[in-house]
Amino acid sequence: METLQEKEIQTAPVTFTDGAIEELNRLRSSLVTAEESFLRIGVKGGGCSGLSYLLAFDKKEDGDKEFQIQGMEVVMNKAHVMYVLGMVIDWENGLNNRGFTFNNPNAKDTCGCGQSFST
């Protein structure tokens, strides 16, 4: 029988670093209302490379897939999964960089800021 962790590894389209989980939990505790209890991960048109990453607390909508990723309740539009499959989300807190970073194996080109990409 599969453990929850083994199932999570097989089905989760993205993973988080420990730093990202820590920052997301901090944000969730200070910002989230009961209605916005899910972390939404996805993409949207725009940015200098064509697609931008979407990372926000939101409510679940029709057509969303729900995932439990490293203790975080995540929702994604089904059509977005193919753009972020295998992506690692990190939190940088250094002198030169501060914010979430996206290591996406599906991105062919990435802009200088790392917030948009093309496939």
PDB file of N, CA and C in Angstrom:
ATOM      1  N   MET A   1       0.846  -1.184   0.000  1.00  0.00           N
ATOM      2  CA  MET A   1       0.000   0.000   0.000  1.00  0.00           C
ATOM      3  C   MET A   1       0.890   1.245   0.000  1.00  0.00           C
ATOM      4  N   GLU A   2       0.524   2.266  -0.828  1.00  0.00           N
ATOM      5  CA  GLU A   2       1.286   3.509  -0.926  1.00  0.00           C
ATOM      6  C   GLU A   2       1.095   4.366   0.312  1.00  0.00           C
ATOM      7  N   THR A   3       2.165   4.997   0.744  1.00  0.00           N
ATOM      8  CA  THR A   3       2.027   5.983   1.801  1.00  0.00           C
ATOM      9  C   THR A   3       1.624   7.293   1.157  1.00  0.00           C
ATOM     10  N   LEU A   4       1.133   8.233   1.951  1.00  0.00           N
ATOM     11  CA  LEU A   4       0.736   9.538   1.436  1.00  0.00           C
ATOM     12  C   LEU A   4       1.919  10.228   0.769  1.00  0.00           C
ATOM     13  N   GLN A   5       3.104  10.109   1.358  1.00  0.00           N
ATOM     14  CA  GLN A   5       4.281  10.759   0.785  1.00  0.00           C
ATOM     15  C   GLN A   5       4.620  10.183  -0.589  1.00  0.00           C
ATOM     16  N   GLU A   6       4.549   8.862  -0.763  1.00  0.00           N
ATOM     17  CA  GLU A   6       4.827   8.256  -2.062  1.00  0.00           C
ATOM     18  C   GLU A   6       3.798   8.700  -3.101  1.00  0.00           C
ATOM     19  N   LYS A   7       2.539   8.755  -2.703  1.00  0.00           N
ATOM     20  CA  LYS A   7       1.492   9.203  -3.616  1.00  0.00           C
ATOM     21  C   LYS A   7       1.714  10.667  -3.994  1.00  0.00           C
ATOM     22  N   GLU A   8       2.106  11.487  -3.033  1.00  0.00           N
ATOM     23  CA  GLU A   8       2.367  12.905  -3.259  1.00  0.00           C
ATOM     24  C   GLU A   8       3.468  13.091  -4.284  1.00  0.00           C
ATOM     25  N   ILE A   9       4.528  12.318  -4.184  1.00  0.00           N
ATOM     26  CA  ILE A   9       5.651  12.414  -5.110  1.00  0.00           C
ATOM     27  C   ILE A   9       5.204  12.049  -6.518  1.00  0.00           C
ATOM     28  N   GLN A  10       4.346  11.065  -6.654  1.00  0.00           N
ATOM     29  CA  GLN A  10       3.892  10.619  -7.966  1.00  0.00           C
ATOM     30  C   GLN A  10       2.908  11.590  -8.607  1.00  0.00           C
ATOM     31  N   THR A  11       2.099  12.273  -7.825  1.00  0.00           N
ATOM     32  CA  THR A  11       1.027  13.072  -8.390  1.00  0.00           C
ATOM     33  C   THR A  11       1.265  14.576  -8.358  1.00  0.00           C
ATOM     34  N   ALA A  12       2.148  15.073  -7.523  1.00  0.00           N
ATOM     35  CA  ALA A  12       2.360  16.516  -7.408  1.00  0.00           C
ATOM     36  C   ALA A  12       3.131  17.041  -8.621  1.00  0.00           C
ATOM     37  N   PRO A  13       2.590  18.045  -9.312  1.00  0.00           N
ATOM     38  CA  PRO A  13       3.281  18.571 -10.490  1.00  0.00           C
ATOM     39  C   PRO A  13       4.465  19.466 -10.147  1.00  0.00           C
ATOM     40  N   VAL A  14       4.499  20.030  -8.942  1.00  0.00           N
ATOM     41  CA  VAL A  14       5.593  20.905  -8.529  1.00  0.00           C
ATOM     42  C   VAL A  14       6.058  20.506  -7.135  1.00  0.00           C
ATOM     43  N   THR A  15       7.235  20.984  -6.762  1.00  0.00           N
ATOM     44  CA  THR A  15       7.726  20.807  -5.395  1.00  0.00           C
ATOM     45  C   THR A  15       8.206  22.160  -4.879  1.00  0.00           C
ATOM     46  N   PHE A  16       8.327  22.247  -3.568  1.00  0.00           N
ATOM     47  CA  PHE A  16       8.802  23.453  -2.908  1.00  0.00           C
ATOM     48  C   PHE A  16      10.082  23.134  -2.144  1.00  0.00           C
ATOM     49  N   THR A  17      10.969  24.100  -2.071  1.00  0.00           N
ATOM     50  CA  THR A  17      12.110  23.962  -1.174  1.00  0.00           C
ATOM     51  C   THR A  17      11.623  24.250   0.242  1.00  0.00           C
ATOM     52  N   ASP A  18      12.446  23.916   1.235  1.00  0.00           N
ATOM     53  CA  ASP A  18      12.082  24.201   2.626  1.00  0.00           C
ATOM     54  C   ASP A  18      11.871  25.697   2.834  1.00  0.00           C
ATOM     55  N   GLY A  19      12.712  26.516   2.207  1.00  0.00           N
ATOM     56  CA  GLY A  19      12.574  27.975   2.333  1.00  0.00           C
ATOM     57  C   GLY A  19      11.264  28.477   1.763  1.00  0.00           C
ATOM     58  N   ALA A  20      10.833  27.910   0.645  1.00  0.00           N
ATOM     59  CA  ALA A  20       9.559  28.311   0.034  1.00  0.00           C
ATOM     60  C   ALA A  20       8.391  27.922   0.929  1.00  0.00           C
ATOM     61  N   ILE A  21       8.411  26.711   1.480  1.00  0.00           N
ATOM     62  CA  ILE A  21       7.342  26.273   2.374  1.00  0.00           C
ATOM     63  C   ILE A  21       7.266  27.184   3.594  1.00  0.00           C
ATOM     64  N   GLU A  22       8.412  27.513   4.159  1.00  0.00           N
ATOM     65  CA  GLU A  22       8.434  28.389   5.339  1.00  0.00           C
ATOM     66  C   GLU A  22       7.819  29.748   5.019  1.00  0.00           C
ATOM     67  N   GLU A  23       8.193  30.341   3.886  1.00  0.00           N
ATOM     68  CA  GLU A  23       7.660  31.651   3.508  1.00  0.00           C
ATOM     69  C   GLU A  23       6.170  31.565   3.166  1.00  0.00           C
ATOM     70  N   LEU A  24       5.744  30.523   2.467  1.00  0.00           N
ATOM     71  CA  LEU A  24       4.330  30.366   2.139  1.00  0.00           C
ATOM     72  C   LEU A  24       3.480  30.200   3.400  1.00  0.00           C
ATOM     73  N   ASN A  25       3.968  29.442   4.359  1.00  0.00           N
ATOM     74  CA  ASN A  25       3.236  29.292   5.620  1.00  0.00           C
ATOM     75  C   ASN A  25       3.163  30.616   6.369  1.00  0.00           C
ATOM     76  N   ARG A  26       4.240  31.390   6.335  1.00  0.00           N
ATOM     77  CA  ARG A  26       4.238  32.710   6.977  1.00  0.00           C
ATOM     78  C   ARG A  26       3.202  33.619   6.316  1.00  0.00           C
ATOM     79  N   LEU A  27       3.199  33.634   4.981  1.00  0.00           N
ATOM     80  CA  LEU A  27       2.240  34.469   4.251  1.00  0.00           C
ATOM     81  C   LEU A  27       0.808  34.020   4.503  1.00  0.00           C
ATOM     82  N   ARG A  28       0.607  32.711   4.469  1.00  0.00           N
ATOM     83  CA  ARG A  28      -0.744  32.182   4.678  1.00  0.00           C
ATOM     84  C   ARG A  28      -1.271  32.581   6.048  1.00  0.00           C
ATOM     85  N   SER A  29      -0.445  32.511   7.075  1.00  0.00           N
ATOM     86  CA  SER A  29      -0.917  32.830   8.424  1.00  0.00           C
ATOM     87  C   SER A  29      -1.228  34.310   8.598  1.00  0.00           C
ATOM     88  N   SER A  30      -0.586  35.174   7.815  1.00  0.00           N
ATOM     89  CA  SER A  30      -0.822  36.605   7.986  1.00  0.00           C
ATOM     90  C   SER A  30      -1.798  37.197   6.971  1.00  0.00           C
ATOM     91  N   LEU A  31      -2.029  36.521   5.844  1.00  0.00           N
ATOM     92  CA  LEU A  31      -2.825  37.118   4.776  1.00  0.00           C
ATOM     93  C   LEU A  31      -4.123  36.409   4.447  1.00  0.00           C
ATOM     94  N   VAL A  32      -4.183  35.135   4.673  1.00  0.00           N
ATOM     95  CA  VAL A  32      -5.250  34.319   4.101  1.00  0.00           C
ATOM     96  C   VAL A  32      -6.527  34.365   4.925  1.00  0.00           C
ATOM     97  N   THR A  33      -7.648  34.515   4.215  1.00  0.00           N
ATOM     98  CA  THR A  33      -8.952  34.367   4.834  1.00  0.00           C
ATOM     99  C   THR A  33      -9.412  32.933   4.588  1.00  0.00           C
ATOM    100  N   ALA A  34     -10.482  32.532   5.235  1.00  0.00           N
ATOM    101  CA  ALA A  34     -10.975  31.163   5.069  1.00  0.00           C
ATOM    102  C   ALA A  34     -11.312  30.870   3.611  1.00  0.00           C
ATOM    103  N   GLU A  35     -11.804  31.885   2.885  1.00  0.00           N
ATOM    104  CA  GLU A  35     -12.181  31.694   1.483  1.00  0.00           C
ATOM    105  C   GLU A  35     -10.961  31.463   0.593  1.00  0.00           C
ATOM    106  N   GLU A  36      -9.825  32.007   0.982  1.00  0.00           N
ATOM    107  CA  GLU A  36      -8.609  31.913   0.173  1.00  0.00           C
ATOM    108  C   GLU A  36      -7.639  30.908   0.782  1.00  0.00           C
ATOM    109  N   SER A  37      -8.131  29.738   1.098  1.00  0.00           N
ATOM    110  CA  SER A  37      -7.320  28.785   1.840  1.00  0.00           C
ATOM    111  C   SER A  37      -6.404  27.929   0.977  1.00  0.00           C
ATOM    112  N   PHE A  38      -6.489  28.044  -0.351  1.00  0.00           N
ATOM    113  CA  PHE A  38      -5.652  27.247  -1.240  1.00  0.00           C
ATOM    114  C   PHE A  38      -4.554  28.111  -1.854  1.00  0.00           C
ATOM    115  N   LEU A  39      -3.420  27.496  -2.114  1.00  0.00           N
ATOM    116  CA  LEU A  39      -2.369  28.160  -2.870  1.00  0.00           C
ATOM    117  C   LEU A  39      -2.605  27.839  -4.337  1.00  0.00           C
ATOM    118  N   ARG A  40      -2.774  28.856  -5.157  1.00  0.00           N
ATOM    119  CA  ARG A  40      -2.975  28.662  -6.596  1.00  0.00           C
ATOM    120  C   ARG A  40      -1.631  28.816  -7.301  1.00  0.00           C
ATOM    121  N   ILE A  41      -1.297  27.806  -8.100  1.00  0.00           N
ATOM    122  CA  ILE A  41      -0.101  27.833  -8.930  1.00  0.00           C
ATOM    123  C   ILE A  41      -0.561  27.715 -10.367  1.00  0.00           C
ATOM    124  N   GLY A  42      -0.001  28.534 -11.232  1.00  0.00           N
ATOM    125  CA  GLY A  42      -0.387  28.453 -12.630  1.00  0.00           C
ATOM    126  C   GLY A  42       0.438  29.395 -13.486  1.00  0.00           C
ATOM    127  N   VAL A  43      -0.079  29.638 -14.661  1.00  0.00           N
ATOM    128  CA  VAL A  43       0.568  30.552 -15.607  1.00  0.00           C
ATOM    129  C   VAL A  43      -0.497  31.469 -16.182  1.00  0.00           C
ATOM    130  N   LYS A  44      -0.040  32.595 -16.699  1.00  0.00           N
ATOM    131  CA  LYS A  44      -0.932  33.505 -17.407  1.00  0.00           C
ATOM    132  C   LYS A  44      -0.138  34.159 -18.520  1.00  0.00           C
ATOM    133  N   GLY A  45      -0.824  34.597 -19.544  1.00  0.00           N
ATOM    134  CA  GLY A  45      -0.154  35.264 -20.653  1.00  0.00           C
ATOM    135  C   GLY A  45       0.431  36.586 -20.197  1.00  0.00           C
ATOM    136  N   GLY A  46       1.611  36.902 -20.713  1.00  0.00           N
ATOM    137  CA  GLY A  46       2.252  38.173 -20.368  1.00  0.00           C
ATOM    138  C   GLY A  46       3.688  37.987 -19.967  1.00  0.00           C
ATOM    139  N   GLY A  47       4.306  39.063 -19.620  1.00  0.00           N
ATOM    140  CA  GLY A  47       5.720  39.036 -19.271  1.00  0.00           C
ATOM    141  C   GLY A  47       6.562  39.145 -20.523  1.00  0.00           C
ATOM    142  N   CYS A  48       7.824  39.373 -20.356  1.00  0.00           N
ATOM    143  CA  CYS A  48       8.686  39.607 -21.516  1.00  0.00           C
ATOM    144  C   CYS A  48       8.987  38.344 -22.310  1.00  0.00           C
ATOM    145  N   SER A  49       8.704  37.160 -21.767  1.00  0.00           N
ATOM    146  CA  SER A  49       8.966  35.922 -22.501  1.00  0.00           C
ATOM    147  C   SER A  49       7.703  35.199 -22.960  1.00  0.00           C
ATOM    148  N   GLY A  50       6.532  35.725 -22.660  1.00  0.00           N
ATOM    149  CA  GLY A  50       5.299  35.125 -23.161  1.00  0.00           C
ATOM    150  C   GLY A  50       4.343  34.629 -22.103  1.00  0.00           C
ATOM    151  N   LEU A  51       4.827  33.926 -21.091  1.00  0.00           N
ATOM    152  CA  LEU A  51       3.999  33.419 -19.997  1.00  0.00           C
ATOM    153  C   LEU A  51       4.605  33.848 -18.670  1.00  0.00           C
ATOM    154  N   SER A  52       3.752  34.188 -17.721  1.00  0.00           N
ATOM    155  CA  SER A  52       4.199  34.553 -16.378  1.00  0.00           C
ATOM    156  C   SER A  52       3.673  33.532 -15.385  1.00  0.00           C
ATOM    157  N   TYR A  53       4.402  33.358 -14.295  1.00  0.00           N
ATOM    158  CA  TYR A  53       3.973  32.439 -13.246  1.00  0.00           C
ATOM    159  C   TYR A  53       2.919  33.106 -12.369  1.00  0.00           C
ATOM    160  N   LEU A  54       2.005  32.300 -11.876  1.00  0.00           N
ATOM    161  CA  LEU A  54       0.970  32.749 -10.970  1.00  0.00           C
ATOM    162  C   LEU A  54       1.139  31.981  -9.672  1.00  0.00           C
ATOM    163  N   LEU A  55       1.270  32.704  -8.571  1.00  0.00           N
ATOM    164  CA  LEU A  55       1.429  32.107  -7.249  1.00  0.00           C
ATOM    165  C   LEU A  55       0.668  33.003  -6.280  1.00  0.00           C
ATOM    166  N   ALA A  56      -0.505  32.549  -5.825  1.00  0.00           N
ATOM    167  CA  ALA A  56      -1.349  33.384  -4.968  1.00  0.00           C
ATOM    168  C   ALA A  56      -2.282  32.510  -4.149  1.00  0.00           C
ATOM    169  N   PHE A  57      -2.728  33.038  -3.030  1.00  0.00           N
ATOM    170  CA  PHE A  57      -3.736  32.336  -2.242  1.00  0.00           C
ATOM    171  C   PHE A  57      -5.097  32.683  -2.831  1.00  0.00           C
ATOM    172  N   ASP A  58      -5.926  31.661  -2.986  1.00  0.00           N
ATOM    173  CA  ASP A  58      -7.172  31.818  -3.726  1.00  0.00           C
ATOM    174  C   ASP A  58      -8.160  30.752  -3.281  1.00  0.00           C
ATOM    175  N   LYS A  59      -9.381  30.853  -3.772  1.00  0.00           N
ATOM    176  CA  LYS A  59     -10.383  29.816  -3.526  1.00  0.00           C
ATOM    177  C   LYS A  59     -10.352  28.821  -4.681  1.00  0.00           C
ATOM    178  N   LYS A  60     -10.868  27.649  -4.425  1.00  0.00           N
ATOM    179  CA  LYS A  60     -10.934  26.616  -5.459  1.00  0.00           C
ATOM    180  C   LYS A  60     -12.055  26.957  -6.431  1.00  0.00           C
ATOM    181  N   GLU A  61     -11.798  26.752  -7.730  1.00  0.00           N
ATOM    182  CA  GLU A  61     -12.779  27.038  -8.769  1.00  0.00           C
ATOM    183  C   GLU A  61     -13.106  25.762  -9.538  1.00  0.00           C
ATOM    184  N   ASP A  62     -14.221  25.796 -10.263  1.00  0.00           N
ATOM    185  CA  ASP A  62     -14.586  24.657 -11.113  1.00  0.00           C
ATOM    186  C   ASP A  62     -13.457  24.389 -12.103  1.00  0.00           C
ATOM    187  N   GLY A  63     -13.139  23.146 -12.312  1.00  0.00           N
ATOM    188  CA  GLY A  63     -12.091  22.778 -13.254  1.00  0.00           C
ATOM    189  C   GLY A  63     -10.700  22.736 -12.650  1.00  0.00           C
ATOM    190  N   ASP A  64     -10.564  23.084 -11.379  1.00  0.00           N
ATOM    191  CA  ASP A  64      -9.252  23.027 -10.721  1.00  0.00           C
ATOM    192  C   ASP A  64      -8.929  21.600 -10.297  1.00  0.00           C
ATOM    193  N   LYS A  65      -7.653  21.282 -10.338  1.00  0.00           N
ATOM    194  CA  LYS A  65      -7.151  20.048  -9.728  1.00  0.00           C
ATOM    195  C   LYS A  65      -6.612  20.438  -8.363  1.00  0.00           C
ATOM    196  N   GLU A  66      -6.813  19.575  -7.401  1.00  0.00           N
ATOM    197  CA  GLU A  66      -6.354  19.842  -6.039  1.00  0.00           C
ATOM    198  C   GLU A  66      -5.219  18.888  -5.698  1.00  0.00           C
ATOM    199  N   PHE A  67      -4.173  19.432  -5.095  1.00  0.00           N
ATOM    200  CA  PHE A  67      -3.008  18.649  -4.692  1.00  0.00           C
ATOM    201  C   PHE A  67      -2.650  18.982  -3.250  1.00  0.00           C
ATOM    202  N   GLN A  68      -2.092  18.011  -2.575  1.00  0.00           N
ATOM    203  CA  GLN A  68      -1.500  18.218  -1.256  1.00  0.00           C
ATOM    204  C   GLN A  68       0.000  18.092  -1.490  1.00  0.00           C
ATOM    205  N   ILE A  69       0.705  19.216  -1.443  1.00  0.00           N
ATOM    206  CA  ILE A  69       2.134  19.221  -1.750  1.00  0.00           C
ATOM    207  C   ILE A  69       2.901  19.690  -0.525  1.00  0.00           C
ATOM    208  N   GLN A  70       3.615  18.769   0.092  1.00  0.00           N
ATOM    209  CA  GLN A  70       4.446  19.063   1.255  1.00  0.00           C
ATOM    210  C   GLN A  70       3.664  19.811   2.334  1.00  0.00           C
ATOM    211  N   GLY A  71       2.429  19.373   2.568  1.00  0.00           N
ATOM    212  CA  GLY A  71       1.591  19.965   3.596  1.00  0.00           C
ATOM    213  C   GLY A  71       0.814  21.188   3.154  1.00  0.00           C
ATOM    214  N   MET A  72       1.010  21.631   1.940  1.00  0.00           N
ATOM    215  CA  MET A  72       0.325  22.817   1.412  1.00  0.00           C
ATOM    216  C   MET A  72      -0.828  22.373   0.513  1.00  0.00           C
ATOM    217  N   GLU A  73      -2.020  22.930   0.728  1.00  0.00           N
ATOM    218  CA  GLU A  73      -3.163  22.638  -0.139  1.00  0.00           C
ATOM    219  C   GLU A  73      -3.049  23.536  -1.365  1.00  0.00           C
ATOM    220  N   VAL A  74      -2.911  22.912  -2.535  1.00  0.00           N
ATOM    221  CA  VAL A  74      -2.643  23.620  -3.782  1.00  0.00           C
ATOM    222  C   VAL A  74      -3.744  23.332  -4.785  1.00  0.00           C
ATOM    223  N   VAL A  75      -4.151  24.362  -5.531  1.00  0.00           N
ATOM    224  CA  VAL A  75      -5.075  24.173  -6.646  1.00  0.00           C
ATOM    225  C   VAL A  75      -4.417  24.694  -7.914  1.00  0.00           C
ATOM    226  N   MET A  76      -4.754  24.031  -9.025  1.00  0.00           N
ATOM    227  CA  MET A  76      -4.242  24.422 -10.332  1.00  0.00           C
ATOM    228  C   MET A  76      -5.320  24.197 -11.369  1.00  0.00           C
ATOM    229  N   ASN A  77      -5.403  25.098 -12.324  1.00  0.00           N
ATOM    230  CA  ASN A  77      -6.238  24.872 -13.492  1.00  0.00           C
ATOM    231  C   ASN A  77      -5.631  23.680 -14.224  1.00  0.00           C
ATOM    232  N   LYS A  78      -6.450  22.738 -14.648  1.00  0.00           N
ATOM    233  CA  LYS A  78      -5.941  21.519 -15.295  1.00  0.00           C
ATOM    234  C   LYS A  78      -5.055  21.840 -16.502  1.00  0.00           C
ATOM    235  N   ALA A  79      -5.382  22.891 -17.228  1.00  0.00           N
ATOM    236  CA  ALA A  79      -4.623  23.241 -18.426  1.00  0.00           C
ATOM    237  C   ALA A  79      -3.231  23.777 -18.108  1.00  0.00           C
ATOM    238  N   HIS A  80      -2.982  24.187 -16.866  1.00  0.00           N
ATOM    239  CA  HIS A  80      -1.691  24.762 -16.499  1.00  0.00           C
ATOM    240  C   HIS A  80      -0.664  23.723 -16.078  1.00  0.00           C
ATOM    241  N   VAL A  81      -1.121  22.519 -15.738  1.00  0.00           N
ATOM    242  CA  VAL A  81      -0.224  21.486 -15.219  1.00  0.00           C
ATOM    243  C   VAL A  81       0.915  21.197 -16.193  1.00  0.00           C
ATOM    244  N   MET A  82       0.628  21.126 -17.483  1.00  0.00           N
ATOM    245  CA  MET A  82       1.667  20.786 -18.462  1.00  0.00           C
ATOM    246  C   MET A  82       2.781  21.837 -18.538  1.00  0.00           C
ATOM    247  N   TYR A  83       2.497  23.083 -18.154  1.00  0.00           N
ATOM    248  CA  TYR A  83       3.503  24.143 -18.203  1.00  0.00           C
ATOM    249  C   TYR A  83       4.443  24.135 -17.001  1.00  0.00           C
ATOM    250  N   VAL A  84       4.006  23.539 -15.897  1.00  0.00           N
ATOM    251  CA  VAL A  84       4.803  23.598 -14.671  1.00  0.00           C
ATOM    252  C   VAL A  84       5.228  22.230 -14.151  1.00  0.00           C
ATOM    253  N   LEU A  85       4.937  21.173 -14.875  1.00  0.00           N
ATOM    254  CA  LEU A  85       5.260  19.823 -14.434  1.00  0.00           C
ATOM    255  C   LEU A  85       6.751  19.684 -14.163  1.00  0.00           C
ATOM    256  N   GLY A  86       7.095  19.306 -12.954  1.00  0.00           N
ATOM    257  CA  GLY A  86       8.488  19.124 -12.571  1.00  0.00           C
ATOM    258  C   GLY A  86       9.155  20.377 -12.020  1.00  0.00           C
ATOM    259  N   MET A  87       8.423  21.470 -11.914  1.00  0.00           N
ATOM    260  CA  MET A  87       8.990  22.738 -11.452  1.00  0.00           C
ATOM    261  C   MET A  87       9.276  22.708  -9.953  1.00  0.00           C
ATOM    262  N   VAL A  88      10.358  23.381  -9.562  1.00  0.00           N
ATOM    263  CA  VAL A  88      10.712  23.548  -8.154  1.00  0.00           C
ATOM    264  C   VAL A  88      10.583  25.033  -7.824  1.00  0.00           C
ATOM    265  N   ILE A  89       9.815  25.331  -6.786  1.00  0.00           N
ATOM    266  CA  ILE A  89       9.620  26.709  -6.343  1.00  0.00           C
ATOM    267  C   ILE A  89      10.464  26.927  -5.101  1.00  0.00           C
ATOM    268  N   ASP A  90      11.266  27.990  -5.115  1.00  0.00           N
ATOM    269  CA  ASP A  90      12.181  28.303  -4.019  1.00  0.00           C
ATOM    270  C   ASP A  90      11.897  29.720  -3.526  1.00  0.00           C
ATOM    271  N   TRP A  91      12.388  30.024  -2.330  1.00  0.00           N
ATOM    272  CA  TRP A  91      12.313  31.375  -1.770  1.00  0.00           C
ATOM    273  C   TRP A  91      13.734  31.862  -1.559  1.00  0.00           C
ATOM    274  N   GLU A  92      14.081  32.971  -2.194  1.00  0.00           N
ATOM    275  CA  GLU A  92      15.401  33.592  -2.043  1.00  0.00           C
ATOM    276  C   GLU A  92      15.268  34.754  -1.074  1.00  0.00           C
ATOM    277  N   ASN A  93      16.183  34.849  -0.132  1.00  0.00           N
ATOM    278  CA  ASN A  93      16.142  35.937   0.850  1.00  0.00           C
ATOM    279  C   ASN A  93      17.540  36.501   1.047  1.00  0.00           C
ATOM    280  N   GLY A  94      18.201  36.816  -0.074  1.00  0.00           N
ATOM    281  CA  GLY A  94      19.560  37.316   0.005  1.00  0.00           C
ATOM    282  C   GLY A  94      19.637  38.814  -0.205  1.00  0.00           C
ATOM    283  N   LEU A  95      20.848  39.321  -0.234  1.00  0.00           N
ATOM    284  CA  LEU A  95      21.058  40.756  -0.443  1.00  0.00           C
ATOM    285  C   LEU A  95      20.683  41.181  -1.856  1.00  0.00           C
ATOM    286  N   ASN A  96      20.985  40.357  -2.840  1.00  0.00           N
ATOM    287  CA  ASN A  96      20.714  40.720  -4.235  1.00  0.00           C
ATOM    288  C   ASN A  96      19.356  40.257  -4.732  1.00  0.00           C
ATOM    289  N   ASN A  97      18.842  39.180  -4.182  1.00  0.00           N
ATOM    290  CA  ASN A  97      17.562  38.633  -4.630  1.00  0.00           C
ATOM    291  C   ASN A  97      16.671  38.358  -3.436  1.00  0.00           C
ATOM    292  N   ARG A  98      15.417  38.730  -3.586  1.00  0.00           N
ATOM    293  CA  ARG A  98      14.428  38.411  -2.552  1.00  0.00           C
ATOM    294  C   ARG A  98      13.117  38.120  -3.264  1.00  0.00           C
ATOM    295  N   GLY A  99      12.601  36.926  -3.077  1.00  0.00           N
ATOM    296  CA  GLY A  99      11.335  36.553  -3.681  1.00  0.00           C
ATOM    297  C   GLY A  99      11.333  35.092  -4.087  1.00  0.00           C
ATOM    298  N   PHE A 100      10.213  34.676  -4.649  1.00  0.00           N
ATOM    299  CA  PHE A 100      10.083  33.305  -5.104  1.00  0.00           C
ATOM    300  C   PHE A 100      10.785  33.146  -6.446  1.00  0.00           C
ATOM    301  N   THR A 101      11.451  32.009  -6.616  1.00  0.00           N
ATOM    302  CA  THR A 101      12.088  31.674  -7.880  1.00  0.00           C
ATOM    303  C   THR A 101      11.490  30.371  -8.387  1.00  0.00           C
ATOM    304  N   PHE A 102      11.506  30.213  -9.706  1.00  0.00           N
ATOM    305  CA  PHE A 102      10.862  29.082 -10.358  1.00  0.00           C
ATOM    306  C   PHE A 102      11.875  28.380 -11.244  1.00  0.00           C
ATOM    307  N   ASN A 103      12.220  27.151 -10.883  1.00  0.00           N
ATOM    308  CA  ASN A 103      13.120  26.339 -11.695  1.00  0.00           C
ATOM    309  C   ASN A 103      12.245  25.377 -12.484  1.00  0.00           C
ATOM    310  N   ASN A 104      11.973  25.759 -13.744  1.00  0.00           N
ATOM    311  CA  ASN A 104      11.004  25.047 -14.563  1.00  0.00           C
ATOM    312  C   ASN A 104      11.707  24.322 -15.702  1.00  0.00           C
ATOM    313  N   PRO A 105      11.691  22.983 -15.686  1.00  0.00           N
ATOM    314  CA  PRO A 105      12.358  22.234 -16.753  1.00  0.00           C
ATOM    315  C   PRO A 105      11.659  22.354 -18.107  1.00  0.00           C
ATOM    316  N   ASN A 106      10.440  22.878 -18.150  1.00  0.00           N
ATOM    317  CA  ASN A 106       9.690  23.032 -19.393  1.00  0.00           C
ATOM    318  C   ASN A 106       9.972  24.357 -20.098  1.00  0.00           C
ATOM    319  N   ALA A 107      10.639  25.277 -19.410  1.00  0.00           N
ATOM    320  CA  ALA A 107      10.901  26.600 -19.971  1.00  0.00           C
ATOM    321  C   ALA A 107      12.079  26.530 -20.943  1.00  0.00           C
ATOM    322  N   LYS A 108      11.844  26.947 -22.184  1.00  0.00           N
ATOM    323  CA  LYS A 108      12.920  27.003 -23.173  1.00  0.00           C
ATOM    324  C   LYS A 108      13.687  28.305 -23.056  1.00  0.00           C
ATOM    325  N   ASP A 109      12.965  29.395 -22.810  1.00  0.00           N
ATOM    326  CA  ASP A 109      13.570  30.713 -22.622  1.00  0.00           C
ATOM    327  C   ASP A 109      12.980  31.336 -21.372  1.00  0.00           C
ATOM    328  N   THR A 110      13.823  32.035 -20.627  1.00  0.00           N
ATOM    329  CA  THR A 110      13.387  32.718 -19.418  1.00  0.00           C
ATOM    330  C   THR A 110      13.875  34.154 -19.482  1.00  0.00           C
ATOM    331  N   CYS A 111      13.069  35.078 -18.971  1.00  0.00           N
ATOM    332  CA  CYS A 111      13.493  36.469 -18.960  1.00  0.00           C
ATOM    333  C   CYS A 111      14.530  36.679 -17.854  1.00  0.00           C
ATOM    334  N   GLY A 112      15.149  37.836 -17.836  1.00  0.00           N
ATOM    335  CA  GLY A 112      16.194  38.137 -16.851  1.00  0.00           C
ATOM    336  C   GLY A 112      15.705  38.097 -15.414  1.00  0.00           C
ATOM    337  N   CYS A 113      14.436  38.458 -15.181  1.00  0.00           N
ATOM    338  CA  CYS A 113      13.932  38.475 -13.821  1.00  0.00           C
ATOM    339  C   CYS A 113      13.494  37.083 -13.343  1.00  0.00           C
ATOM    340  N   GLY A 114      13.346  36.130 -14.266  1.00  0.00           N
ATOM    341  CA  GLY A 114      12.953  34.769 -13.899  1.00  0.00           C
ATOM    342  C   GLY A 114      11.476  34.598 -13.631  1.00  0.00           C
ATOM    343  N   GLN A 115      10.682  35.630 -13.879  1.00  0.00           N
ATOM    344  CA  GLN A 115       9.250  35.565 -13.598  1.00  0.00           C
ATOM    345  C   GLN A 115       8.425  35.212 -14.824  1.00  0.00           C
ATOM    346  N   SER A 116       9.022  35.199 -16.008  1.00  0.00           N
ATOM    347  CA  SER A 116       8.276  34.799 -17.200  1.00  0.00           C
ATOM    348  C   SER A 116       9.131  33.864 -18.044  1.00  0.00           C
ATOM    349  N   PHE A 117       8.454  33.114 -18.920  1.00  0.00           N
ATOM    350  CA  PHE A 117       9.145  32.084 -19.686  1.00  0.00           C
ATOM    351  C   PHE A 117       8.382  31.796 -20.972  1.00  0.00           C
ATOM    352  N   SER A 118       8.995  31.031 -21.867  1.00  0.00           N
ATOM    353  CA  SER A 118       8.305  30.519 -23.042  1.00  0.00           C
ATOM    354  C   SER A 118       8.617  29.043 -23.159  1.00  0.00           C
ATOM    355  N   THR A 119       7.729  28.320 -23.854  1.00  0.00           N
ATOM    356  CA  THR A 119       7.907  26.879 -24.001  1.00  0.00           C
ATOM    357  C   THR A 119       8.200  26.522 -25.435  1.00  0.00           C
TER     358      THR A 119
END
